Amino acid sequence: MMKFFSIRLLILTVTIGLLSRFTFANPIEFATFEQPPVIYHQDGQLNGIAVDIVKAVFKKIGKPVNFTTYPFSRALKMVQENKADAIFAIVKNKSRAEDLIFSNQILLSQDAILLVNHDSDIHYNGKLASLSNFRFATLRSATYGKQWQNAVANKVINQVVELTSFRQSLLMLEKNRVDIVIGSHITLSQEIKNLNHQHKYRVLPPPLESVPTYIAFAKTEQNYKLSAQFDQAIEALKQNGQYQQIIQVHLESASLN
């Protein structure tokens, strides 16, 4: 009788332990940054295209998530130093790939554009070398594809002011403290709409580059597995149409499509 009771107690203990582990699993801690309509606060909650995609993916994986926003450079550093689990939506480059585990699947592709004041006489012929004499504003620690990265590294573009937000960049442009703002088309469009300054700027065609952005994890053994799970789950969302639906809903609400 005592042996039977002990076995039942052992089974009950193990079951409770497993249930507790599932129910109270530590959330994946994301350090991220605001770039509306991709990532932004609304009514005290983090919202946006990328946020909803990440939520849907990790719901499918079965893991809870928690988001905290910081300036971009700080968010990136926190994940690099393993003080947060992951960051999104960021561009992959060689130096970041050495410090982080990037997903294979693209989280969201974004067009990088060049923005000037409406009355500016600056023109762009598709080659950044033609803009070498101008002052650029960009997000601190951000990158916008290989063309931009190479132009900065090779000093083709050597007048770059790094700021902590796109709003700062736009206001500096208005004051003629910089000549050109580089950034994501959908993010800059949303920020201009928020400022109600649609008449103050114009885009220099053509777009600089279509830049894929990813989720990147802190380099830990368990995060290699988590990255693989992310790839499988987001691929499933792309296959069943949920991924495209999330993007469409946000673009329609922001009047950007």
C-alpha atoms as a PDB file:
ATOM      1  CA  MET A   1       0.000   0.000   0.000  1.00  0.00           C
ATOM      2  CA  MET A   2       2.797   2.401   0.961  1.00  0.00           C
ATOM      3  CA  LYS A   3       4.689   1.550  -2.263  1.00  0.00           C
ATOM      4  CA  PHE A   4       1.576   2.248  -4.337  1.00  0.00           C
ATOM      5  CA  PHE A   5       1.049   5.564  -2.528  1.00  0.00           C
ATOM      6  CA  SER A   6       4.691   6.553  -3.120  1.00  0.00           C
ATOM      7  CA  ILE A   7       4.432   5.854  -6.847  1.00  0.00           C
ATOM      8  CA  ARG A   8       1.251   7.925  -7.117  1.00  0.00           C
ATOM      9  CA  LEU A   9       2.919  10.761  -5.182  1.00  0.00           C
ATOM     10  CA  LEU A  10       5.921  10.636  -7.497  1.00  0.00           C
ATOM     11  CA  ILE A  11       3.705  10.740 -10.602  1.00  0.00           C
ATOM     12  CA  LEU A  12       1.713  13.656  -9.139  1.00  0.00           C
ATOM     13  CA  THR A  13       4.897  15.580  -8.320  1.00  0.00           C
ATOM     14  CA  VAL A  14       6.341  15.111 -11.793  1.00  0.00           C
ATOM     15  CA  THR A  15       3.028  16.085 -13.415  1.00  0.00           C
ATOM     16  CA  ILE A  16       2.748  19.266 -11.344  1.00  0.00           C
ATOM     17  CA  GLY A  17       6.344  20.106 -12.178  1.00  0.00           C
ATOM     18  CA  LEU A  18       5.758  19.709 -15.897  1.00  0.00           C
ATOM     19  CA  LEU A  19       2.545  21.716 -15.807  1.00  0.00           C
ATOM     20  CA  SER A  20       4.214  24.474 -13.808  1.00  0.00           C
ATOM     21  CA  ARG A  21       7.057  24.604 -16.276  1.00  0.00           C
ATOM     22  CA  PHE A  22       4.624  24.923 -19.173  1.00  0.00           C
ATOM     23  CA  THR A  23       2.299  27.389 -17.473  1.00  0.00           C
ATOM     24  CA  PHE A  24       4.949  29.631 -15.955  1.00  0.00           C
ATOM     25  CA  ALA A  25       7.575  29.379 -18.713  1.00  0.00           C
ATOM     26  CA  ASN A  26       9.847  32.397 -18.833  1.00  0.00           C
ATOM     27  CA  PRO A  27       8.882  34.659 -21.729  1.00  0.00           C
ATOM     28  CA  ILE A  28      11.281  35.417 -24.577  1.00  0.00           C
ATOM     29  CA  GLU A  29      12.580  38.895 -23.708  1.00  0.00           C
ATOM     30  CA  PHE A  30      12.775  41.175 -26.743  1.00  0.00           C
ATOM     31  CA  ALA A  31      14.738  44.409 -26.715  1.00  0.00           C
ATOM     32  CA  THR A  32      13.391  46.399 -29.636  1.00  0.00           C
ATOM     33  CA  PHE A  33      12.993  49.950 -30.919  1.00  0.00           C
ATOM     34  CA  GLU A  34      10.160  52.103 -32.210  1.00  0.00           C
ATOM     35  CA  GLN A  35       9.767  52.487 -35.974  1.00  0.00           C
ATOM     36  CA  PRO A  36       6.079  53.030 -36.704  1.00  0.00           C
ATOM     37  CA  PRO A  37       4.149  51.387 -38.299  1.00  0.00           C
ATOM     38  CA  VAL A  38       6.565  48.448 -37.951  1.00  0.00           C
ATOM     39  CA  ILE A  39       6.974  48.789 -34.168  1.00  0.00           C
ATOM     40  CA  TYR A  40       5.205  51.449 -32.064  1.00  0.00           C
ATOM     41  CA  HIS A  41       3.290  52.077 -28.850  1.00  0.00           C
ATOM     42  CA  GLN A  42      -0.476  52.511 -28.917  1.00  0.00           C
ATOM     43  CA  ASP A  43      -2.686  52.797 -25.839  1.00  0.00           C
ATOM     44  CA  GLY A  44       0.129  51.520 -23.627  1.00  0.00           C
ATOM     45  CA  GLN A  45       0.741  48.426 -25.749  1.00  0.00           C
ATOM     46  CA  LEU A  46       3.391  47.655 -28.339  1.00  0.00           C
ATOM     47  CA  ASN A  47       1.842  47.352 -31.765  1.00  0.00           C
ATOM     48  CA  GLY A  48       2.922  47.217 -35.396  1.00  0.00           C
ATOM     49  CA  ILE A  49       3.478  44.994 -38.415  1.00  0.00           C
ATOM     50  CA  ALA A  50       6.603  43.296 -37.075  1.00  0.00           C
ATOM     51  CA  VAL A  51       5.197  43.043 -33.543  1.00  0.00           C
ATOM     52  CA  ASP A  52       2.093  41.199 -34.731  1.00  0.00           C
ATOM     53  CA  ILE A  53       4.162  38.880 -36.922  1.00  0.00           C
ATOM     54  CA  VAL A  54       6.462  38.034 -33.992  1.00  0.00           C
ATOM     55  CA  LYS A  55       3.463  37.458 -31.686  1.00  0.00           C
ATOM     56  CA  ALA A  56       1.842  35.135 -34.225  1.00  0.00           C
ATOM     57  CA  VAL A  57       5.061  33.181 -34.762  1.00  0.00           C
ATOM     58  CA  PHE A  58       5.747  32.620 -31.074  1.00  0.00           C
ATOM     59  CA  LYS A  59       2.108  31.760 -30.409  1.00  0.00           C
ATOM     60  CA  LYS A  60       2.541  29.011 -32.985  1.00  0.00           C
ATOM     61  CA  ILE A  61       5.784  27.913 -31.296  1.00  0.00           C
ATOM     62  CA  GLY A  62       4.026  27.972 -27.913  1.00  0.00           C
ATOM     63  CA  LYS A  63       6.308  30.423 -26.116  1.00  0.00           C
ATOM     64  CA  PRO A  64       5.264  33.649 -24.376  1.00  0.00           C
ATOM     65  CA  VAL A  65       6.977  36.912 -25.335  1.00  0.00           C
ATOM     66  CA  ASN A  66       7.731  40.215 -23.633  1.00  0.00           C
ATOM     67  CA  PHE A  67       8.718  43.441 -25.416  1.00  0.00           C
ATOM     68  CA  THR A  68      10.706  46.404 -24.111  1.00  0.00           C
ATOM     69  CA  THR A  69      11.672  49.343 -26.333  1.00  0.00           C
ATOM     70  CA  TYR A  70      14.950  51.237 -26.233  1.00  0.00           C
ATOM     71  CA  PRO A  71      16.925  53.451 -28.602  1.00  0.00           C
ATOM     72  CA  PHE A  72      18.119  51.181 -31.405  1.00  0.00           C
ATOM     73  CA  SER A  73      21.818  51.148 -30.483  1.00  0.00           C
ATOM     74  CA  ARG A  74      21.020  50.244 -26.863  1.00  0.00           C
ATOM     75  CA  ALA A  75      18.593  47.483 -27.859  1.00  0.00           C
ATOM     76  CA  LEU A  76      21.202  45.978 -30.165  1.00  0.00           C
ATOM     77  CA  LYS A  77      23.891  46.118 -27.491  1.00  0.00           C
ATOM     78  CA  MET A  78      21.633  44.435 -24.920  1.00  0.00           C
ATOM     79  CA  VAL A  79      21.124  41.403 -27.165  1.00  0.00           C
ATOM     80  CA  GLN A  80      24.809  41.301 -28.112  1.00  0.00           C
ATOM     81  CA  GLU A  81      25.664  41.231 -24.391  1.00  0.00           C
ATOM     82  CA  ASN A  82      22.993  38.569 -23.667  1.00  0.00           C
ATOM     83  CA  LYS A  83      20.979  40.961 -21.479  1.00  0.00           C
ATOM     84  CA  ALA A  84      17.943  40.303 -23.686  1.00  0.00           C
ATOM     85  CA  ASP A  85      16.999  37.267 -25.768  1.00  0.00           C
ATOM     86  CA  ALA A  86      16.336  38.808 -29.163  1.00  0.00           C
ATOM     87  CA  ILE A  87      15.811  41.915 -31.280  1.00  0.00           C
ATOM     88  CA  PHE A  88      13.730  42.645 -34.401  1.00  0.00           C
ATOM     89  CA  ALA A  89      13.411  43.961 -37.158  1.00  0.00           C
ATOM     90  CA  ILE A  90      17.075  44.511 -38.018  1.00  0.00           C
ATOM     91  CA  VAL A  91      19.304  44.310 -41.064  1.00  0.00           C
ATOM     92  CA  LYS A  92      21.863  41.529 -41.209  1.00  0.00           C
ATOM     93  CA  ASN A  93      25.497  42.383 -41.855  1.00  0.00           C
ATOM     94  CA  LYS A  94      28.841  40.680 -41.318  1.00  0.00           C
ATOM     95  CA  SER A  95      29.721  42.239 -37.950  1.00  0.00           C
ATOM     96  CA  ARG A  96      26.273  41.622 -36.466  1.00  0.00           C
ATOM     97  CA  ALA A  97      26.284  38.035 -37.696  1.00  0.00           C
ATOM     98  CA  GLU A  98      29.429  37.437 -35.650  1.00  0.00           C
ATOM     99  CA  ASP A  99      27.661  38.462 -32.425  1.00  0.00           C
ATOM    100  CA  LEU A 100      24.093  37.271 -33.009  1.00  0.00           C
ATOM    101  CA  ILE A 101      22.079  34.325 -34.331  1.00  0.00           C
ATOM    102  CA  PHE A 102      20.035  35.564 -37.283  1.00  0.00           C
ATOM    103  CA  SER A 103      16.944  33.821 -38.558  1.00  0.00           C
ATOM    104  CA  ASN A 104      17.202  32.385 -42.050  1.00  0.00           C
ATOM    105  CA  GLN A 105      13.671  33.499 -42.834  1.00  0.00           C
ATOM    106  CA  ILE A 106      13.085  37.201 -43.531  1.00  0.00           C
ATOM    107  CA  LEU A 107      10.868  38.881 -40.958  1.00  0.00           C
ATOM    108  CA  LEU A 108       9.955  41.892 -43.127  1.00  0.00           C
ATOM    109  CA  SER A 109      11.422  43.538 -46.235  1.00  0.00           C
ATOM    110  CA  GLN A 110      11.524  47.332 -46.272  1.00  0.00           C
ATOM    111  CA  ASP A 111      12.459  49.805 -49.009  1.00  0.00           C
ATOM    112  CA  ALA A 112      15.254  52.163 -47.992  1.00  0.00           C
ATOM    113  CA  ILE A 113      14.634  55.646 -49.395  1.00  0.00           C
ATOM    114  CA  LEU A 114      16.280  59.061 -49.501  1.00  0.00           C
ATOM    115  CA  LEU A 115      14.193  62.020 -48.325  1.00  0.00           C
ATOM    116  CA  VAL A 116      14.823  65.746 -48.864  1.00  0.00           C
ATOM    117  CA  ASN A 117      12.960  68.984 -48.180  1.00  0.00           C
ATOM    118  CA  HIS A 118      10.211  69.708 -50.677  1.00  0.00           C
ATOM    119  CA  ASP A 119      11.990  72.770 -52.070  1.00  0.00           C
ATOM    120  CA  SER A 120      15.389  71.064 -52.286  1.00  0.00           C
ATOM    121  CA  ASP A 121      17.161  71.077 -55.661  1.00  0.00           C
ATOM    122  CA  ILE A 122      18.995  67.806 -54.879  1.00  0.00           C
ATOM    123  CA  HIS A 123      18.611  65.079 -57.490  1.00  0.00           C
ATOM    124  CA  TYR A 124      19.665  61.428 -57.365  1.00  0.00           C
ATOM    125  CA  ASN A 125      20.826  59.384 -60.356  1.00  0.00           C
ATOM    126  CA  GLY A 126      20.814  56.034 -58.576  1.00  0.00           C
ATOM    127  CA  LYS A 127      24.460  56.263 -57.490  1.00  0.00           C
ATOM    128  CA  LEU A 128      25.314  57.418 -53.993  1.00  0.00           C
ATOM    129  CA  ALA A 129      28.575  58.922 -55.275  1.00  0.00           C
ATOM    130  CA  SER A 130      26.465  61.682 -56.830  1.00  0.00           C
ATOM    131  CA  LEU A 131      25.417  62.710 -53.296  1.00  0.00           C
ATOM    132  CA  SER A 132      28.872  62.683 -51.706  1.00  0.00           C
ATOM    133  CA  ASN A 133      28.837  66.423 -50.909  1.00  0.00           C
ATOM    134  CA  PHE A 134      25.625  66.280 -48.874  1.00  0.00           C
ATOM    135  CA  ARG A 135      24.932  65.739 -45.166  1.00  0.00           C
ATOM    136  CA  PHE A 136      22.898  62.648 -44.238  1.00  0.00           C
ATOM    137  CA  ALA A 137      20.837  61.866 -41.139  1.00  0.00           C
ATOM    138  CA  THR A 138      20.402  58.244 -40.150  1.00  0.00           C
ATOM    139  CA  LEU A 139      19.351  56.145 -37.176  1.00  0.00           C
ATOM    140  CA  ARG A 140      22.262  55.417 -34.857  1.00  0.00           C
ATOM    141  CA  SER A 141      23.820  51.972 -35.509  1.00  0.00           C
ATOM    142  CA  ALA A 142      21.329  51.304 -38.328  1.00  0.00           C
ATOM    143  CA  THR A 143      22.233  50.121 -41.811  1.00  0.00           C
ATOM    144  CA  TYR A 144      20.266  50.176 -45.052  1.00  0.00           C
ATOM    145  CA  GLY A 145      21.683  47.482 -47.282  1.00  0.00           C
ATOM    146  CA  LYS A 146      24.993  46.814 -48.989  1.00  0.00           C
ATOM    147  CA  GLN A 147      24.993  49.869 -51.231  1.00  0.00           C
ATOM    148  CA  TRP A 148      24.700  52.258 -48.282  1.00  0.00           C
ATOM    149  CA  GLN A 149      27.048  50.212 -46.106  1.00  0.00           C
ATOM    150  CA  ASN A 150      29.760  50.193 -48.779  1.00  0.00           C
ATOM    151  CA  ALA A 151      29.358  53.895 -49.505  1.00  0.00           C
ATOM    152  CA  VAL A 152      29.896  54.784 -45.843  1.00  0.00           C
ATOM    153  CA  ALA A 153      32.736  52.287 -45.344  1.00  0.00           C
ATOM    154  CA  ASN A 154      34.578  53.578 -48.422  1.00  0.00           C
ATOM    155  CA  LYS A 155      34.013  57.244 -47.475  1.00  0.00           C
ATOM    156  CA  VAL A 156      31.931  57.878 -50.570  1.00  0.00           C
ATOM    157  CA  ILE A 157      29.414  59.222 -48.055  1.00  0.00           C
ATOM    158  CA  ASN A 158      31.337  60.825 -45.203  1.00  0.00           C
ATOM    159  CA  GLN A 159      28.960  63.370 -43.693  1.00  0.00           C
ATOM    160  CA  VAL A 160      26.602  61.286 -41.572  1.00  0.00           C
ATOM    161  CA  VAL A 161      24.753  62.428 -38.450  1.00  0.00           C
ATOM    162  CA  GLU A 162      23.499  59.534 -36.334  1.00  0.00           C
ATOM    163  CA  LEU A 163      20.346  60.176 -34.306  1.00  0.00           C
ATOM    164  CA  THR A 164      18.145  58.145 -31.972  1.00  0.00           C
ATOM    165  CA  SER A 165      14.831  58.561 -33.834  1.00  0.00           C
ATOM    166  CA  PHE A 166      13.453  59.242 -37.292  1.00  0.00           C
ATOM    167  CA  ARG A 167      11.519  62.212 -35.894  1.00  0.00           C
ATOM    168  CA  GLN A 168      14.799  63.853 -34.903  1.00  0.00           C
ATOM    169  CA  SER A 169      16.096  63.241 -38.428  1.00  0.00           C
ATOM    170  CA  LEU A 170      13.050  64.850 -40.036  1.00  0.00           C
ATOM    171  CA  LEU A 171      13.147  67.905 -37.767  1.00  0.00           C
ATOM    172  CA  MET A 172      16.850  68.396 -38.487  1.00  0.00           C
ATOM    173  CA  LEU A 173      16.047  68.198 -42.190  1.00  0.00           C
ATOM    174  CA  GLU A 174      13.392  70.892 -41.816  1.00  0.00           C
ATOM    175  CA  LYS A 175      15.947  73.151 -40.117  1.00  0.00           C
ATOM    176  CA  ASN A 176      18.476  72.469 -42.920  1.00  0.00           C
ATOM    177  CA  ARG A 177      20.947  71.002 -40.451  1.00  0.00           C
ATOM    178  CA  VAL A 178      21.149  67.967 -42.743  1.00  0.00           C
ATOM    179  CA  ASP A 179      20.388  67.673 -46.462  1.00  0.00           C
ATOM    180  CA  ILE A 180      19.082  64.098 -46.793  1.00  0.00           C
ATOM    181  CA  VAL A 181      17.396  61.604 -44.489  1.00  0.00           C
ATOM    182  CA  ILE A 182      17.802  57.887 -45.176  1.00  0.00           C
ATOM    183  CA  GLY A 183      15.390  55.354 -43.725  1.00  0.00           C
ATOM    184  CA  SER A 184      12.599  52.845 -44.231  1.00  0.00           C
ATOM    185  CA  HIS A 185       9.877  54.081 -46.579  1.00  0.00           C
ATOM    186  CA  ILE A 186       6.966  52.848 -44.466  1.00  0.00           C
ATOM    187  CA  THR A 187       8.513  54.144 -41.235  1.00  0.00           C
ATOM    188  CA  LEU A 188       9.350  57.592 -42.589  1.00  0.00           C
ATOM    189  CA  SER A 189       5.897  57.817 -44.218  1.00  0.00           C
ATOM    190  CA  GLN A 190       4.213  57.057 -40.909  1.00  0.00           C
ATOM    191  CA  GLU A 191       6.381  59.531 -38.988  1.00  0.00           C
ATOM    192  CA  ILE A 192       5.650  62.277 -41.536  1.00  0.00           C
ATOM    193  CA  LYS A 193       1.944  61.508 -41.210  1.00  0.00           C
ATOM    194  CA  ASN A 194       2.199  61.714 -37.409  1.00  0.00           C
ATOM    195  CA  LEU A 195       3.843  65.140 -37.733  1.00  0.00           C
ATOM    196  CA  ASN A 196       1.258  66.213 -40.342  1.00  0.00           C
ATOM    197  CA  HIS A 197       4.148  67.385 -42.501  1.00  0.00           C
ATOM    198  CA  GLN A 198       3.282  65.595 -45.736  1.00  0.00           C
ATOM    199  CA  HIS A 199       3.819  68.786 -47.750  1.00  0.00           C
ATOM    200  CA  LYS A 200       7.331  69.431 -46.392  1.00  0.00           C
ATOM    201  CA  TYR A 201       9.292  66.549 -47.912  1.00  0.00           C
ATOM    202  CA  ARG A 202       9.795  64.625 -51.135  1.00  0.00           C
ATOM    203  CA  VAL A 203      11.383  61.266 -51.912  1.00  0.00           C
ATOM    204  CA  LEU A 204      14.421  61.061 -54.188  1.00  0.00           C
ATOM    205  CA  PRO A 205      13.669  58.284 -56.696  1.00  0.00           C
ATOM    206  CA  PRO A 206      14.600  55.500 -57.176  1.00  0.00           C
ATOM    207  CA  PRO A 207      14.476  53.641 -53.827  1.00  0.00           C
ATOM    208  CA  LEU A 208      17.979  52.949 -52.566  1.00  0.00           C
ATOM    209  CA  GLU A 209      17.396  49.252 -51.966  1.00  0.00           C
ATOM    210  CA  SER A 210      14.817  46.742 -50.810  1.00  0.00           C
ATOM    211  CA  VAL A 211      16.295  45.689 -47.495  1.00  0.00           C
ATOM    212  CA  PRO A 212      15.350  42.427 -45.734  1.00  0.00           C
ATOM    213  CA  THR A 213      15.088  42.660 -41.955  1.00  0.00           C
ATOM    214  CA  TYR A 214      15.316  39.730 -39.564  1.00  0.00           C
ATOM    215  CA  ILE A 215      14.942  38.612 -35.996  1.00  0.00           C
ATOM    216  CA  ALA A 216      18.294  38.096 -34.262  1.00  0.00           C
ATOM    217  CA  PHE A 217      18.898  36.132 -31.051  1.00  0.00           C
ATOM    218  CA  ALA A 218      21.580  36.360 -28.390  1.00  0.00           C
ATOM    219  CA  LYS A 219      24.276  33.759 -28.990  1.00  0.00           C
ATOM    220  CA  THR A 220      23.345  30.954 -26.630  1.00  0.00           C
ATOM    221  CA  GLU A 221      23.046  27.224 -27.269  1.00  0.00           C
ATOM    222  CA  GLN A 222      19.280  27.181 -26.703  1.00  0.00           C
ATOM    223  CA  ASN A 223      18.753  30.117 -29.056  1.00  0.00           C
ATOM    224  CA  TYR A 224      20.132  28.165 -32.018  1.00  0.00           C
ATOM    225  CA  LYS A 225      17.185  25.804 -31.525  1.00  0.00           C
ATOM    226  CA  LEU A 226      14.795  28.728 -31.002  1.00  0.00           C
ATOM    227  CA  SER A 227      15.963  30.360 -34.240  1.00  0.00           C
ATOM    228  CA  ALA A 228      15.239  27.133 -36.133  1.00  0.00           C
ATOM    229  CA  GLN A 229      11.776  26.966 -34.544  1.00  0.00           C
ATOM    230  CA  PHE A 230      11.165  30.567 -35.593  1.00  0.00           C
ATOM    231  CA  ASP A 231      12.114  29.777 -39.207  1.00  0.00           C
ATOM    232  CA  GLN A 232       9.711  26.834 -39.338  1.00  0.00           C
ATOM    233  CA  ALA A 233       6.846  28.762 -37.744  1.00  0.00           C
ATOM    234  CA  ILE A 234       7.088  31.912 -39.876  1.00  0.00           C
ATOM    235  CA  GLU A 235       7.388  29.804 -43.028  1.00  0.00           C
ATOM    236  CA  ALA A 236       4.112  28.128 -42.039  1.00  0.00           C
ATOM    237  CA  LEU A 237       2.462  31.555 -41.585  1.00  0.00           C
ATOM    238  CA  LYS A 238       3.685  32.632 -45.020  1.00  0.00           C
ATOM    239  CA  GLN A 239       2.314  29.433 -46.543  1.00  0.00           C
ATOM    240  CA  ASN A 240      -1.157  29.751 -44.977  1.00  0.00           C
ATOM    241  CA  GLY A 241      -1.532  33.472 -45.768  1.00  0.00           C
ATOM    242  CA  GLN A 242      -1.586  34.752 -42.178  1.00  0.00           C
ATOM    243  CA  TYR A 243       1.726  36.573 -42.647  1.00  0.00           C
ATOM    244  CA  GLN A 244       0.462  38.515 -45.679  1.00  0.00           C
ATOM    245  CA  GLN A 245      -2.820  39.293 -43.924  1.00  0.00           C
ATOM    246  CA  ILE A 246      -1.020  40.904 -40.955  1.00  0.00           C
ATOM    247  CA  ILE A 247       0.963  43.171 -43.276  1.00  0.00           C
ATOM    248  CA  GLN A 248      -2.081  44.153 -45.340  1.00  0.00           C
ATOM    249  CA  VAL A 249      -4.181  45.083 -42.293  1.00  0.00           C
ATOM    250  CA  HIS A 250      -1.492  47.429 -40.986  1.00  0.00           C
ATOM    251  CA  LEU A 251      -0.751  49.069 -44.341  1.00  0.00           C
ATOM    252  CA  GLU A 252      -4.441  49.712 -44.946  1.00  0.00           C
ATOM    253  CA  SER A 253      -4.889  51.260 -41.494  1.00  0.00           C
ATOM    254  CA  ALA A 254      -1.896  53.517 -42.076  1.00  0.00           C
ATOM    255  CA  SER A 255      -3.020  54.411 -45.648  1.00  0.00           C
ATOM    256  CA  LEU A 256       0.394  53.465 -46.981  1.00  0.00           C
ATOM    257  CA  ASN A 257      -0.388  50.726 -49.485  1.00  0.00           C
END
